[in-house]
PDB file of N, CA and C in Angstrom:
ATOM      1  N   MET A   1     154.776  27.201 109.733  1.00  0.00           N
ATOM      2  CA  MET A   1     154.942  28.107 109.265  1.00  0.00           C
ATOM      3  C   MET A   1     153.396  27.300 108.200  1.00  0.00           C
ATOM      4  N   LYS A   2     152.301  27.867 108.136  1.00  0.00           N
ATOM      5  CA  LYS A   2     151.176  27.424 107.206  1.00  0.00           C
ATOM      6  C   LYS A   2     151.031  28.729 105.962  1.00  0.00           C
ATOM      7  N   ARG A   3     151.365  27.927 104.920  1.00  0.00           N
ATOM      8  CA  ARG A   3     150.677  28.514 103.679  1.00  0.00           C
ATOM      9  C   ARG A   3     149.461  29.175 103.770  1.00  0.00           C
ATOM     10  N   LYS A   4     148.873  30.233 103.288  1.00  0.00           N
ATOM     11  CA  LYS A   4     147.376  30.184 102.767  1.00  0.00           C
ATOM     12  C   LYS A   4     146.991  29.735 101.363  1.00  0.00           C
ATOM     13  N   ARG A   5     146.081  29.468 100.608  1.00  0.00           N
ATOM     14  CA  ARG A   5     145.240  28.726  99.602  1.00  0.00           C
ATOM     15  C   ARG A   5     145.276  30.118  98.585  1.00  0.00           C
ATOM     16  N   ARG A   6     145.601  29.542  97.631  1.00  0.00           N
ATOM     17  CA  ARG A   6     144.855  30.842  96.922  1.00  0.00           C
ATOM     18  C   ARG A   6     143.527  30.470  97.102  1.00  0.00           C
ATOM     19  N   THR A   7     142.789  32.014  97.561  1.00  0.00           N
ATOM     20  CA  THR A   7     141.181  30.981  96.520  1.00  0.00           C
ATOM     21  C   THR A   7     140.783  31.365  95.008  1.00  0.00           C
ATOM     22  N   LYS A   8     140.083  30.793  94.563  1.00  0.00           N
ATOM     23  CA  LYS A   8     139.593  30.794  92.805  1.00  0.00           C
ATOM     24  C   LYS A   8     138.637  31.905  93.160  1.00  0.00           C
ATOM     25  N   LYS A   9     139.198  32.471  92.119  1.00  0.00           N
ATOM     26  CA  LYS A   9     138.278  33.606  91.343  1.00  0.00           C
ATOM     27  C   LYS A   9     136.894  32.720  91.043  1.00  0.00           C
ATOM     28  N   GLN A  10     136.330  33.569  91.074  1.00  0.00           N
ATOM     29  CA  GLN A  10     134.721  33.678  90.315  1.00  0.00           C
ATOM     30  C   GLN A  10     135.136  33.874  88.818  1.00  0.00           C
ATOM     31  N   LYS A  11     134.832  32.621  87.911  1.00  0.00           N
ATOM     32  CA  LYS A  11     134.772  33.027  86.788  1.00  0.00           C
ATOM     33  C   LYS A  11     133.802  33.702  85.789  1.00  0.00           C
ATOM     34  N   LYS A  12     133.931  35.315  85.645  1.00  0.00           N
ATOM     35  CA  LYS A  12     133.123  35.818  85.092  1.00  0.00           C
ATOM     36  C   LYS A  12     132.773  34.644  83.566  1.00  0.00           C
ATOM     37  N   GLU A  13     130.893  35.375  83.388  1.00  0.00           N
ATOM     38  CA  GLU A  13     130.630  34.730  82.086  1.00  0.00           C
ATOM     39  C   GLU A  13     131.171  35.373  80.915  1.00  0.00           C
ATOM     40  N   PRO A  14     131.527  33.961  79.927  1.00  0.00           N
ATOM     41  CA  PRO A  14     132.317  35.407  78.865  1.00  0.00           C
ATOM     42  C   PRO A  14     130.592  35.674  78.144  1.00  0.00           C
ATOM     43  N   GLU A  15     131.604  37.310  77.478  1.00  0.00           N
ATOM     44  CA  GLU A  15     130.702  38.008  76.610  1.00  0.00           C
ATOM     45  C   GLU A  15     130.825  37.084  75.358  1.00  0.00           C
ATOM     46  N   ALA A  16     129.435  37.852  74.904  1.00  0.00           N
ATOM     47  CA  ALA A  16     129.247  37.082  73.317  1.00  0.00           C
ATOM     48  C   ALA A  16     130.385  37.804  72.565  1.00  0.00           C
ATOM     49  N   LYS A  17     130.932  37.269  71.670  1.00  0.00           N
ATOM     50  CA  LYS A  17     132.334  37.742  70.784  1.00  0.00           C
ATOM     51  C   LYS A  17     131.242  38.243  69.291  1.00  0.00           C
ATOM     52  N   GLN A  18     130.286  37.362  68.858  1.00  0.00           N
ATOM     53  CA  GLN A  18     130.118  38.333  67.772  1.00  0.00           C
ATOM     54  C   GLN A  18     128.288  38.749  68.151  1.00  0.00           C
ATOM     55  N   GLY A  19     128.196  39.972  67.462  1.00  0.00           N
ATOM     56  CA  GLY A  19     126.998  40.649  67.250  1.00  0.00           C
ATOM     57  C   GLY A  19     127.261  41.836  67.163  1.00  0.00           C
ATOM     58  N   ASP A  20     125.966  42.197  67.129  1.00  0.00           N
ATOM     59  CA  ASP A  20     125.415  43.713  66.611  1.00  0.00           C
ATOM     60  C   ASP A  20     124.852  44.548  67.790  1.00  0.00           C
ATOM     61  N   TYR A  21     125.956  45.510  68.638  1.00  0.00           N
ATOM     62  CA  TYR A  21     125.770  46.235  70.107  1.00  0.00           C
ATOM     63  C   TYR A  21     124.734  47.727  69.329  1.00  0.00           C
ATOM     64  N   LEU A  22     124.269  48.181  69.914  1.00  0.00           N
ATOM     65  CA  LEU A  22     123.541  49.312  70.091  1.00  0.00           C
ATOM     66  C   LEU A  22     123.640  50.589  71.110  1.00  0.00           C
ATOM     67  N   VAL A  23     124.006  51.441  70.752  1.00  0.00           N
ATOM     68  CA  VAL A  23     124.437  52.667  72.268  1.00  0.00           C
ATOM     69  C   VAL A  23     123.780  53.200  71.669  1.00  0.00           C
ATOM     70  N   GLY A  24     123.143  53.942  72.984  1.00  0.00           N
ATOM     71  CA  GLY A  24     121.826  54.892  72.462  1.00  0.00           C
ATOM     72  C   GLY A  24     120.574  54.494  72.249  1.00  0.00           C
ATOM     73  N   THR A  25     119.892  55.239  70.736  1.00  0.00           N
ATOM     74  CA  THR A  25     118.267  54.544  70.441  1.00  0.00           C
ATOM     75  C   THR A  25     119.113  54.541  68.994  1.00  0.00           C
ATOM     76  N   ASP A  26     118.273  53.525  68.401  1.00  0.00           N
ATOM     77  CA  ASP A  26     117.801  53.726  66.771  1.00  0.00           C
ATOM     78  C   ASP A  26     117.585  54.969  65.947  1.00  0.00           C
ATOM     79  N   GLU A  27     117.610  55.426  66.205  1.00  0.00           N
ATOM     80  CA  GLU A  27     117.009  56.980  65.432  1.00  0.00           C
ATOM     81  C   GLU A  27     118.253  57.541  64.019  1.00  0.00           C
ATOM     82  N   ASN A  28     119.273  57.489  65.116  1.00  0.00           N
ATOM     83  CA  ASN A  28     120.640  57.821  64.016  1.00  0.00           C
ATOM     84  C   ASN A  28     121.693  57.045  64.733  1.00  0.00           C
ATOM     85  N   VAL A  29     122.054  56.008  63.694  1.00  0.00           N
ATOM     86  CA  VAL A  29     122.526  54.755  63.633  1.00  0.00           C
ATOM     87  C   VAL A  29     124.378  55.267  62.978  1.00  0.00           C
ATOM     88  N   LEU A  30     125.666  54.857  63.858  1.00  0.00           N
ATOM     89  CA  LEU A  30     126.486  54.997  62.464  1.00  0.00           C
ATOM     90  C   LEU A  30     127.055  53.674  63.490  1.00  0.00           C
ATOM     91  N   VAL A  31     127.623  53.189  61.764  1.00  0.00           N
ATOM     92  CA  VAL A  31     128.086  51.719  61.920  1.00  0.00           C
ATOM     93  C   VAL A  31     129.552  51.906  62.334  1.00  0.00           C
ATOM     94  N   LEU A  32     130.486  51.343  63.287  1.00  0.00           N
ATOM     95  CA  LEU A  32     131.824  51.217  63.045  1.00  0.00           C
ATOM     96  C   LEU A  32     132.420  50.144  62.319  1.00  0.00           C
ATOM     97  N   ASN A  33     133.250  50.462  61.575  1.00  0.00           N
ATOM     98  CA  ASN A  33     134.065  49.640  60.598  1.00  0.00           C
ATOM     99  C   ASN A  33     134.692  48.438  61.273  1.00  0.00           C
ATOM    100  N   ARG A  34     135.115  48.556  62.618  1.00  0.00           N
ATOM    101  CA  ARG A  34     136.491  47.505  63.297  1.00  0.00           C
ATOM    102  C   ARG A  34     135.803  46.551  64.160  1.00  0.00           C
ATOM    103  N   THR A  35     136.351  45.421  63.939  1.00  0.00           N
ATOM    104  CA  THR A  35     135.604  44.476  64.716  1.00  0.00           C
ATOM    105  C   THR A  35     136.387  44.809  66.153  1.00  0.00           C
ATOM    106  N   TYR A  36     135.545  44.701  67.320  1.00  0.00           N
ATOM    107  CA  TYR A  36     136.231  44.470  68.698  1.00  0.00           C
ATOM    108  C   TYR A  36     135.859  43.031  69.414  1.00  0.00           C
ATOM    109  N   ALA A  37     136.842  42.891  70.070  1.00  0.00           N
ATOM    110  CA  ALA A  37     137.028  41.599  70.764  1.00  0.00           C
ATOM    111  C   ALA A  37     135.778  41.000  71.550  1.00  0.00           C
ATOM    112  N   ASN A  38     135.496  42.168  72.076  1.00  0.00           N
ATOM    113  CA  ASN A  38     134.061  41.649  73.119  1.00  0.00           C
ATOM    114  C   ASN A  38     133.034  42.688  73.002  1.00  0.00           C
ATOM    115  N   ARG A  39     131.871  42.745  73.733  1.00  0.00           N
ATOM    116  CA  ARG A  39     131.227  43.681  73.905  1.00  0.00           C
ATOM    117  C   ARG A  39     131.520  44.831  74.373  1.00  0.00           C
ATOM    118  N   SER A  40     131.867  45.007  75.961  1.00  0.00           N
ATOM    119  CA  SER A  40     132.419  45.985  76.418  1.00  0.00           C
ATOM    120  C   SER A  40     133.747  46.919  75.433  1.00  0.00           C
ATOM    121  N   ASN A  41     134.103  46.420  75.084  1.00  0.00           N
ATOM    122  CA  ASN A  41     135.438  47.215  74.171  1.00  0.00           C
ATOM    123  C   ASN A  41     134.424  47.964  72.495  1.00  0.00           C
ATOM    124  N   ALA A  42     133.542  47.377  72.567  1.00  0.00           N
ATOM    125  CA  ALA A  42     132.522  47.565  71.322  1.00  0.00           C
ATOM    126  C   ALA A  42     131.804  48.906  72.186  1.00  0.00           C
ATOM    127  N   GLU A  43     131.514  48.264  73.161  1.00  0.00           N
ATOM    128  CA  GLU A  43     130.343  49.868  73.444  1.00  0.00           C
ATOM    129  C   GLU A  43     130.810  50.706  74.070  1.00  0.00           C
ATOM    130  N   ARG A  44     132.492  50.891  74.352  1.00  0.00           N
ATOM    131  CA  ARG A  44     133.646  51.722  74.736  1.00  0.00           C
ATOM    132  C   ARG A  44     133.435  52.682  73.889  1.00  0.00           C
ATOM    133  N   ALA A  45     133.969  51.709  72.509  1.00  0.00           N
ATOM    134  CA  ALA A  45     134.516  52.712  71.241  1.00  0.00           C
ATOM    135  C   ALA A  45     133.258  53.324  70.580  1.00  0.00           C
ATOM    136  N   ALA A  46     131.938  53.022  70.776  1.00  0.00           N
ATOM    137  CA  ALA A  46     130.739  53.705  70.397  1.00  0.00           C
ATOM    138  C   ALA A  46     130.583  54.916  71.110  1.00  0.00           C
ATOM    139  N   LYS A  47     130.613  54.815  72.391  1.00  0.00           N
ATOM    140  CA  LYS A  47     130.723  55.627  73.260  1.00  0.00           C
ATOM    141  C   LYS A  47     131.366  56.664  73.308  1.00  0.00           C
ATOM    142  N   MET A  48     132.834  56.375  73.133  1.00  0.00           N
ATOM    143  CA  MET A  48     133.506  57.555  72.590  1.00  0.00           C
ATOM    144  C   MET A  48     133.574  58.167  71.315  1.00  0.00           C
ATOM    145  N   GLN A  49     133.273  57.618  70.012  1.00  0.00           N
ATOM    146  CA  GLN A  49     132.750  57.953  68.779  1.00  0.00           C
ATOM    147  C   GLN A  49     131.585  58.592  68.921  1.00  0.00           C
ATOM    148  N   TRP A  50     130.509  58.499  69.808  1.00  0.00           N
ATOM    149  CA  TRP A  50     129.689  59.290  69.861  1.00  0.00           C
ATOM    150  C   TRP A  50     130.217  60.573  70.971  1.00  0.00           C
ATOM    151  N   GLU A  51     130.794  60.740  71.783  1.00  0.00           N
ATOM    152  CA  GLU A  51     131.359  61.951  72.272  1.00  0.00           C
ATOM    153  C   GLU A  51     132.117  62.852  71.342  1.00  0.00           C
ATOM    154  N   ARG A  52     133.095  62.393  70.422  1.00  0.00           N
ATOM    155  CA  ARG A  52     133.960  62.770  69.480  1.00  0.00           C
ATOM    156  C   ARG A  52     132.942  63.467  68.218  1.00  0.00           C
ATOM    157  N   LEU A  53     132.044  63.034  68.229  1.00  0.00           N
ATOM    158  CA  LEU A  53     131.237  63.409  67.227  1.00  0.00           C
ATOM    159  C   LEU A  53     130.084  64.669  67.931  1.00  0.00           C
ATOM    160  N   GLN A  54     129.890  64.668  69.103  1.00  0.00           N
ATOM    161  CA  GLN A  54     129.026  65.377  69.569  1.00  0.00           C
ATOM    162  C   GLN A  54     130.159  66.921  69.642  1.00  0.00           C
ATOM    163  N   ARG A  55     131.552  66.970  69.630  1.00  0.00           N
ATOM    164  CA  ARG A  55     132.096  67.996  70.232  1.00  0.00           C
ATOM    165  C   ARG A  55     132.390  68.489  68.631  1.00  0.00           C
ATOM    166  N   GLY A  56     132.072  70.028  68.610  1.00  0.00           N
ATOM    167  CA  GLY A  56     132.384  70.746  67.474  1.00  0.00           C
ATOM    168  C   GLY A  56     131.407  70.729  66.425  1.00  0.00           C
ATOM    169  N   VAL A  57     130.220  70.463  66.827  1.00  0.00           N
ATOM    170  CA  VAL A  57     129.093  70.674  66.172  1.00  0.00           C
ATOM    171  C   VAL A  57     128.614  71.396  65.087  1.00  0.00           C
ATOM    172  N   ALA A  58     128.938  72.719  66.236  1.00  0.00           N
ATOM    173  CA  ALA A  58     128.517  74.022  65.668  1.00  0.00           C
ATOM    174  C   ALA A  58     129.961  74.854  66.139  1.00  0.00           C
ATOM    175  N   SER A  59     130.498  75.352  65.944  1.00  0.00           N
ATOM    176  CA  SER A  59     131.722  76.886  66.036  1.00  0.00           C
ATOM    177  C   SER A  59     131.640  78.264  65.782  1.00  0.00           C
ATOM    178  N   PHE A  60     132.176  79.093  66.575  1.00  0.00           N
ATOM    179  CA  PHE A  60     132.026  80.582  66.350  1.00  0.00           C
ATOM    180  C   PHE A  60     133.285  80.942  66.833  1.00  0.00           C
ATOM    181  N   SER A  61     133.584  82.257  65.867  1.00  0.00           N
ATOM    182  CA  SER A  61     135.008  82.507  65.975  1.00  0.00           C
ATOM    183  C   SER A  61     134.806  83.941  66.287  1.00  0.00           C
ATOM    184  N   LEU A  62     135.380  84.782  67.108  1.00  0.00           N
ATOM    185  CA  LEU A  62     135.091  86.227  67.673  1.00  0.00           C
ATOM    186  C   LEU A  62     136.459  86.818  67.456  1.00  0.00           C
ATOM    187  N   GLN A  63     137.014  87.894  67.227  1.00  0.00           N
ATOM    188  CA  GLN A  63     138.205  88.564  67.777  1.00  0.00           C
ATOM    189  C   GLN A  63     137.436  89.979  68.450  1.00  0.00           C
ATOM    190  N   LEU A  64     138.068  89.751  69.248  1.00  0.00           N
ATOM    191  CA  LEU A  64     138.166  90.946  70.505  1.00  0.00           C
ATOM    192  C   LEU A  64     138.806  92.285  70.162  1.00  0.00           C
ATOM    193  N   ALA A  65     138.086  93.607  69.769  1.00  0.00           N
ATOM    194  CA  ALA A  65     139.037  94.915  69.558  1.00  0.00           C
ATOM    195  C   ALA A  65     140.325  95.097  70.909  1.00  0.00           C
ATOM    196  N   GLU A  66     139.261  95.052  72.092  1.00  0.00           N
ATOM    197  CA  GLU A  66     140.218  94.827  72.703  1.00  0.00           C
ATOM    198  C   GLU A  66     140.707  93.115  73.649  1.00  0.00           C
ATOM    199  N   GLY A  67     141.925  93.416  73.592  1.00  0.00           N
ATOM    200  CA  GLY A  67     142.418  91.902  74.422  1.00  0.00           C
ATOM    201  C   GLY A  67     141.479  91.565  76.185  1.00  0.00           C
ATOM    202  N   ARG A  68     141.642  90.244  76.237  1.00  0.00           N
ATOM    203  CA  ARG A  68     141.144  89.827  77.856  1.00  0.00           C
ATOM    204  C   ARG A  68     142.172  88.788  78.084  1.00  0.00           C
ATOM    205  N   ALA A  69     143.179  89.171  78.856  1.00  0.00           N
ATOM    206  CA  ALA A  69     143.904  88.074  79.495  1.00  0.00           C
ATOM    207  C   ALA A  69     143.386  87.462  80.219  1.00  0.00           C
ATOM    208  N   ASP A  70     141.996  87.629  81.310  1.00  0.00           N
ATOM    209  CA  ASP A  70     141.350  87.020  81.598  1.00  0.00           C
ATOM    210  C   ASP A  70     140.898  85.577  81.247  1.00  0.00           C
ATOM    211  N   LEU A  71     140.747  85.528  79.928  1.00  0.00           N
ATOM    212  CA  LEU A  71     139.840  84.396  79.443  1.00  0.00           C
ATOM    213  C   LEU A  71     141.095  83.286  79.674  1.00  0.00           C
ATOM    214  N   TYR A  72     140.591  81.868  79.395  1.00  0.00           N
ATOM    215  CA  TYR A  72     141.649  80.761  78.985  1.00  0.00           C
ATOM    216  C   TYR A  72     140.291  79.591  78.592  1.00  0.00           C
ATOM    217  N   THR A  73     141.039  78.828  77.929  1.00  0.00           N
ATOM    218  CA  THR A  73     140.289  77.563  77.407  1.00  0.00           C
ATOM    219  C   THR A  73     139.396  76.875  77.725  1.00  0.00           C
ATOM    220  N   GLU A  74     139.325  76.088  77.479  1.00  0.00           N
ATOM    221  CA  GLU A  74     137.811  75.077  78.253  1.00  0.00           C
ATOM    222  C   GLU A  74     136.637  76.132  79.004  1.00  0.00           C
ATOM    223  N   MET A  75     136.928  76.972  79.113  1.00  0.00           N
ATOM    224  CA  MET A  75     136.020  78.486  79.887  1.00  0.00           C
ATOM    225  C   MET A  75     135.130  78.438  79.146  1.00  0.00           C
ATOM    226  N   PRO A  76     133.567  77.952  79.923  1.00  0.00           N
ATOM    227  CA  PRO A  76     131.892  78.394  79.680  1.00  0.00           C
ATOM    228  C   PRO A  76     132.152  80.211  79.359  1.00  0.00           C
ATOM    229  N   VAL A  77     131.471  80.076  77.755  1.00  0.00           N
ATOM    230  CA  VAL A  77     130.944  81.357  77.440  1.00  0.00           C
ATOM    231  C   VAL A  77     129.865  81.669  77.484  1.00  0.00           C
ATOM    232  N   LYS A  78     129.218  83.204  77.711  1.00  0.00           N
ATOM    233  CA  LYS A  78     128.120  82.616  76.766  1.00  0.00           C
ATOM    234  C   LYS A  78     127.878  84.346  75.784  1.00  0.00           C
ATOM    235  N   VAL A  79     127.719  84.420  74.892  1.00  0.00           N
ATOM    236  CA  VAL A  79     127.724  85.675  74.202  1.00  0.00           C
ATOM    237  C   VAL A  79     126.723  86.417  73.650  1.00  0.00           C
ATOM    238  N   SER A  80     126.430  87.730  73.190  1.00  0.00           N
ATOM    239  CA  SER A  80     124.815  88.463  73.294  1.00  0.00           C
ATOM    240  C   SER A  80     125.320  89.148  71.805  1.00  0.00           C
ATOM    241  N   GLY A  81     124.157  89.740  71.131  1.00  0.00           N
ATOM    242  CA  GLY A  81     123.713  90.590  70.551  1.00  0.00           C
ATOM    243  C   GLY A  81     123.769  89.740  68.461  1.00  0.00           C
ATOM    244  N   PHE A  82     124.012  88.158  69.099  1.00  0.00           N
ATOM    245  CA  PHE A  82     123.722  87.808  68.000  1.00  0.00           C
ATOM    246  C   PHE A  82     122.090  86.747  67.595  1.00  0.00           C
ATOM    247  N   LYS A  83     121.929  86.054  67.081  1.00  0.00           N
ATOM    248  CA  LYS A  83     120.185  85.607  66.453  1.00  0.00           C
ATOM    249  C   LYS A  83     120.346  84.851  67.854  1.00  0.00           C
ATOM    250  N   GLN A  84     119.120  84.436  68.268  1.00  0.00           N
ATOM    251  CA  GLN A  84     118.758  83.976  69.417  1.00  0.00           C
ATOM    252  C   GLN A  84     118.949  82.676  69.454  1.00  0.00           C
ATOM    253  N   PRO A  85     119.175  81.793  68.707  1.00  0.00           N
ATOM    254  CA  PRO A  85     119.985  80.638  68.851  1.00  0.00           C
ATOM    255  C   PRO A  85     121.827  80.652  69.992  1.00  0.00           C
ATOM    256  N   ILE A  86     122.152  81.715  68.441  1.00  0.00           N
ATOM    257  CA  ILE A  86     123.805  81.590  69.279  1.00  0.00           C
ATOM    258  C   ILE A  86     123.224  82.439  70.649  1.00  0.00           C
ATOM    259  N   ASP A  87     122.741  83.134  70.807  1.00  0.00           N
ATOM    260  CA  ASP A  87     122.827  84.079  71.995  1.00  0.00           C
ATOM    261  C   ASP A  87     122.544  82.634  73.403  1.00  0.00           C
ATOM    262  N   ASP A  88     121.690  81.752  73.078  1.00  0.00           N
ATOM    263  CA  ASP A  88     121.140  81.341  73.772  1.00  0.00           C
ATOM    264  C   ASP A  88     122.111  79.844  74.598  1.00  0.00           C
ATOM    265  N   ALA A  89     123.129  79.853  73.760  1.00  0.00           N
ATOM    266  CA  ALA A  89     123.685  78.521  73.929  1.00  0.00           C
ATOM    267  C   ALA A  89     124.921  78.603  74.499  1.00  0.00           C
ATOM    268  N   GLU A  90     125.024  77.404  75.456  1.00  0.00           N
ATOM    269  CA  GLU A  90     126.291  77.316  76.326  1.00  0.00           C
ATOM    270  C   GLU A  90     127.597  77.453  75.093  1.00  0.00           C
ATOM    271  N   TRP A  91     128.372  78.009  75.199  1.00  0.00           N
ATOM    272  CA  TRP A  91     130.512  77.796  74.243  1.00  0.00           C
ATOM    273  C   TRP A  91     130.689  77.796  75.489  1.00  0.00           C
ATOM    274  N   THR A  92     132.009  76.925  74.566  1.00  0.00           N
ATOM    275  CA  THR A  92     133.931  76.440  75.337  1.00  0.00           C
ATOM    276  C   THR A  92     134.411  77.156  74.635  1.00  0.00           C
ATOM    277  N   ILE A  93     135.225  77.745  74.716  1.00  0.00           N
ATOM    278  CA  ILE A  93     136.668  78.361  74.348  1.00  0.00           C
ATOM    279  C   ILE A  93     137.214  76.934  74.196  1.00  0.00           C
ATOM    280  N   THR A  94     137.845  76.949  72.700  1.00  0.00           N
ATOM    281  CA  THR A  94     138.818  75.828  72.681  1.00  0.00           C
ATOM    282  C   THR A  94     139.939  76.190  72.193  1.00  0.00           C
ATOM    283  N   THR A  95     140.195  77.233  71.536  1.00  0.00           N
ATOM    284  CA  THR A  95     141.340  78.143  71.216  1.00  0.00           C
ATOM    285  C   THR A  95     141.396  79.775  71.456  1.00  0.00           C
ATOM    286  N   LEU A  96     142.267  79.830  71.880  1.00  0.00           N
ATOM    287  CA  LEU A  96     142.215  81.538  72.324  1.00  0.00           C
ATOM    288  C   LEU A  96     143.809  81.658  71.998  1.00  0.00           C
ATOM    289  N   THR A  97     143.560  82.674  71.384  1.00  0.00           N
ATOM    290  CA  THR A  97     144.878  83.739  70.885  1.00  0.00           C
ATOM    291  C   THR A  97     144.899  85.178  71.357  1.00  0.00           C
ATOM    292  N   HIS A  98     146.050  85.428  72.087  1.00  0.00           N
ATOM    293  CA  HIS A  98     146.181  87.290  72.342  1.00  0.00           C
ATOM    294  C   HIS A  98     147.084  87.565  71.706  1.00  0.00           C
ATOM    295  N   THR A  99     146.870  88.609  70.967  1.00  0.00           N
ATOM    296  CA  THR A  99     148.110  89.120  70.021  1.00  0.00           C
ATOM    297  C   THR A  99     148.313  90.582  70.590  1.00  0.00           C
ATOM    298  N   VAL A 100     149.614  91.142  70.617  1.00  0.00           N
ATOM    299  CA  VAL A 100     150.464  92.073  70.944  1.00  0.00           C
ATOM    300  C   VAL A 100     150.905  92.523  69.571  1.00  0.00           C
ATOM    301  N   SER A 101     149.886  93.679  68.742  1.00  0.00           N
ATOM    302  CA  SER A 101     150.724  94.238  67.505  1.00  0.00           C
ATOM    303  C   SER A 101     150.972  96.047  67.453  1.00  0.00           C
ATOM    304  N   PRO A 102     151.334  96.341  66.815  1.00  0.00           N
ATOM    305  CA  PRO A 102     152.039  98.067  66.649  1.00  0.00           C
ATOM    306  C   PRO A 102     150.421  98.571  66.183  1.00  0.00           C
ATOM    307  N   ASP A 103     149.874  98.017  65.434  1.00  0.00           N
ATOM    308  CA  ASP A 103     148.531  98.310  64.681  1.00  0.00           C
ATOM    309  C   ASP A 103     147.517  98.438  65.226  1.00  0.00           C
ATOM    310  N   ASN A 104     146.981  97.289  65.947  1.00  0.00           N
ATOM    311  CA  ASN A 104     146.043  97.041  67.550  1.00  0.00           C
ATOM    312  C   ASN A 104     146.226  96.977  67.681  1.00  0.00           C
ATOM    313  N   GLY A 105     147.579  97.026  68.786  1.00  0.00           N
ATOM    314  CA  GLY A 105     147.480  96.219  70.540  1.00  0.00           C
ATOM    315  C   GLY A 105     147.173  95.604  70.700  1.00  0.00           C
ATOM    316  N   PHE A 106     146.551  95.126  72.357  1.00  0.00           N
ATOM    317  CA  PHE A 106     146.366  93.706  72.681  1.00  0.00           C
ATOM    318  C   PHE A 106     144.700  93.408  71.901  1.00  0.00           C
ATOM    319  N   THR A 107     145.019  92.549  71.244  1.00  0.00           N
ATOM    320  CA  THR A 107     143.539  91.531  71.039  1.00  0.00           C
ATOM    321  C   THR A 107     143.534  90.128  71.143  1.00  0.00           C
ATOM    322  N   THR A 108     142.354  89.691  71.531  1.00  0.00           N
ATOM    323  CA  THR A 108     142.090  88.589  71.820  1.00  0.00           C
ATOM    324  C   THR A 108     140.884  87.999  70.834  1.00  0.00           C
ATOM    325  N   SER A 109     141.301  86.974  70.294  1.00  0.00           N
ATOM    326  CA  SER A 109     141.160  85.687  69.218  1.00  0.00           C
ATOM    327  C   SER A 109     140.396  84.443  69.621  1.00  0.00           C
ATOM    328  N   LEU A 110     138.772  84.528  69.764  1.00  0.00           N
ATOM    329  CA  LEU A 110     138.543  82.870  69.922  1.00  0.00           C
ATOM    330  C   LEU A 110     138.198  82.390  69.642  1.00  0.00           C
ATOM    331  N   GLU A 111     137.994  80.681  69.651  1.00  0.00           N
ATOM    332  CA  GLU A 111     136.956  79.424  68.984  1.00  0.00           C
ATOM    333  C   GLU A 111     136.320  79.111  69.813  1.00  0.00           C
ATOM    334  N   LEU A 112     134.929  78.786  69.351  1.00  0.00           N
ATOM    335  CA  LEU A 112     133.979  78.280  70.579  1.00  0.00           C
ATOM    336  C   LEU A 112     132.979  77.629  69.919  1.00  0.00           C
ATOM    337  N   GLU A 113     132.918  76.162  70.655  1.00  0.00           N
ATOM    338  CA  GLU A 113     132.077  75.142  70.239  1.00  0.00           C
ATOM    339  C   GLU A 113     131.351  74.621  71.151  1.00  0.00           C
ATOM    340  N   VAL A 114     130.331  74.371  70.910  1.00  0.00           N
ATOM    341  CA  VAL A 114     128.917  73.934  71.190  1.00  0.00           C
ATOM    342  C   VAL A 114     128.523  72.443  71.334  1.00  0.00           C
ATOM    343  N   ARG A 115     128.186  71.844  72.616  1.00  0.00           N
ATOM    344  CA  ARG A 115     127.900  70.412  72.375  1.00  0.00           C
ATOM    345  C   ARG A 115     126.119  70.681  71.767  1.00  0.00           C
ATOM    346  N   ILE A 116     125.861  69.676  71.102  1.00  0.00           N
ATOM    347  CA  ILE A 116     124.922  69.422  69.852  1.00  0.00           C
ATOM    348  C   ILE A 116     123.484  69.536  71.153  1.00  0.00           C
ATOM    349  N   ASP A 117     123.472  68.548  72.208  1.00  0.00           N
ATOM    350  CA  ASP A 117     122.743  68.498  73.145  1.00  0.00           C
ATOM    351  C   ASP A 117     122.186  70.054  73.703  1.00  0.00           C
ATOM    352  N   ASP A 118     123.635  70.953  73.489  1.00  0.00           N
ATOM    353  CA  ASP A 118     122.899  72.324  74.184  1.00  0.00           C
ATOM    354  C   ASP A 118     122.824  73.025  73.449  1.00  0.00           C
ATOM    355  N   PHE A 119     122.060  73.466  71.991  1.00  0.00           N
ATOM    356  CA  PHE A 119     122.132  73.724  70.906  1.00  0.00           C
ATOM    357  C   PHE A 119     121.376  73.018  69.781  1.00  0.00           C
ATOM    358  N   GLU A 120     120.064  73.922  69.896  1.00  0.00           N
ATOM    359  CA  GLU A 120     119.047  73.561  68.785  1.00  0.00           C
ATOM    360  C   GLU A 120     119.029  74.179  67.898  1.00  0.00           C
ATOM    361  N   MET A 121     119.366  73.997  66.465  1.00  0.00           N
ATOM    362  CA  MET A 121     118.825  75.461  65.374  1.00  0.00           C
ATOM    363  C   MET A 121     117.610  74.763  64.843  1.00  0.00           C
ATOM    364  N   GLU A 122     116.765  76.245  64.539  1.00  0.00           N
ATOM    365  CA  GLU A 122     115.438  75.919  63.808  1.00  0.00           C
ATOM    366  C   GLU A 122     115.577  76.474  62.676  1.00  0.00           C
TER     367      GLU A 122
END
């Protein structure tokens, strides 16, 4: 019985351990205070922080007089009857609350958010 020898893996070039890394453009810089083990971890953390900042930049709340059981969270929605930038934006439902009460009957409350790259306020 012959044994197969393990093939040697090609060594990756070591990443630089120290330095400043920039993700995106230098127009609007956010400095992360933590020191990361390597460049890929630093870039991943920067990307995650950027995405976290993008979410919730613009928010909007609505209470519908008549409930809508067909709505669900993360559903894209359009609104109308408001200022033009609000009507033009692509909104996403982040919080949805259905309520049944003796006074108001079935109502739905919505919390909406829009991404900054989809929204431009003048």
